[in-house]
Amino acid sequence: MIAPSDMTTEPTIAKESGHFYDRQGNPAYTIKHPDEYGLMKPNGTRAIRIFGTQEEAEKALKGRPADYWLEHRPGKEVTTNVTHARKYHLVPGQGRVSNVLAKEGLNHWQKQQILLAAATSPLKRSDMDAGEWAKKVKEEADRQAEEARQKGVEIHGAIERYAGGHDYYTGHLAYIHAVENAINHPLREFDAEKSAAHPWGYGCKTDLLNKERRFIADVKCKEFYVGEINEQATRPFKNKDAYEDWAMGSTASHHQPIKLHWPEHCRQIAANAHAHGLTSFWCQFESAKGINDASADQYNHPYTGINIYVSTSNPGQVYIHQWEEDELKHELQLFYYLLKVWQIDNKYDSSF
């Protein structure tokens, strides 16, 4: 058993969104450029010629005056982009493809952050013109959003590291145990951060996967409070005060249950499940193109796909949303088209 770490901060685990993968499903988040050798003039600051190997550079140096010299330039490691993907036959991550379509949940949250910053800002509108006030409010909203994002990243990282059997920050144990209790299963019996690539031409990394149980889950960390609706059901609220006011009969919009699950969350689950082989489903248009698949236009391999929403503002609270088969089928079809749009827009057919 991996011992808890005495670290005081959570190591960063790279997220899938926006990254690239090789065709075997291995993450290719960065590319290291090869070393270069520059042929330099006396007192020169710029190379007159660049060579890819030391041997080539040394050959070019022969016959030059003695005060010519070679400069070794170590290759830099840079973030992978589409140009690299074309060159090295990489595939885009599921998140990069999904970004082709606006994310309804993310846009809603960003707008809420700005409204919240405006409502709670100590800045007086009368002290500055509208443009300056709006700029200050936007800066405060960005600051609050970054704080919330960073806290979510740390908690998410702790859950992933614990599930993967790595060191984790014990200060986040309440969140870890809450997830295990919510799914009624030990986290370490799942494959954590499992990556894959699909011949359609995309890759992904999945938070929790158990192929034998046909179970896939994605963890998202947000601020909310879980309130009891009745003996059998709970719903998320913005905070405890909102829930208590709702329970007392308030009909105000800011006291009502909030929405945590959005279509793009289902799309992520569906695309990741498909990449991991949890379904042999092919869309109708695939069959029409002549693909010989006995399961074409069928969805006869059901699996459990859920989102686990972990409350960052109320440690120990978790809200589970399980997606229906029809929803997963719809979002997988939509993802296929988004992938085609991405490939056309970037002039790169990543399929293999």
Foldseek 3Di string as FASTA:
>chain_A
DFDADQDPFFDFDDAQAWFKAAQFFHTPFKDWDAKKKFWADQVGDHGPDIDRDPVVVVVVCPPPPPRIDMDIGGTDIGTDDVVVCQVRLIFGALNHLVVLDDFPVVVVVLVVLLVVLVVPPPDDPVVDPPVVVSVVSNVVSVVVVVVQVSLFSRLLSQLLQVLCSHHHHVVNVLLNVLVCVVVVHHSVQWDAQDKFHDLQGYIYTFGTHDLVQLEGEHETEEAWDWDDPDPVDIATANYPVLCVCVVVPDPDPNSDGDDDDGLVRLLRQLVNSVRVPQFPEDEQVVVVVPDDDPQYNHGPRDGWYKYWYTHSNDRSDIDIDTDDPVSSVVSPVVSSVSSVVVCVVSVHRSRD
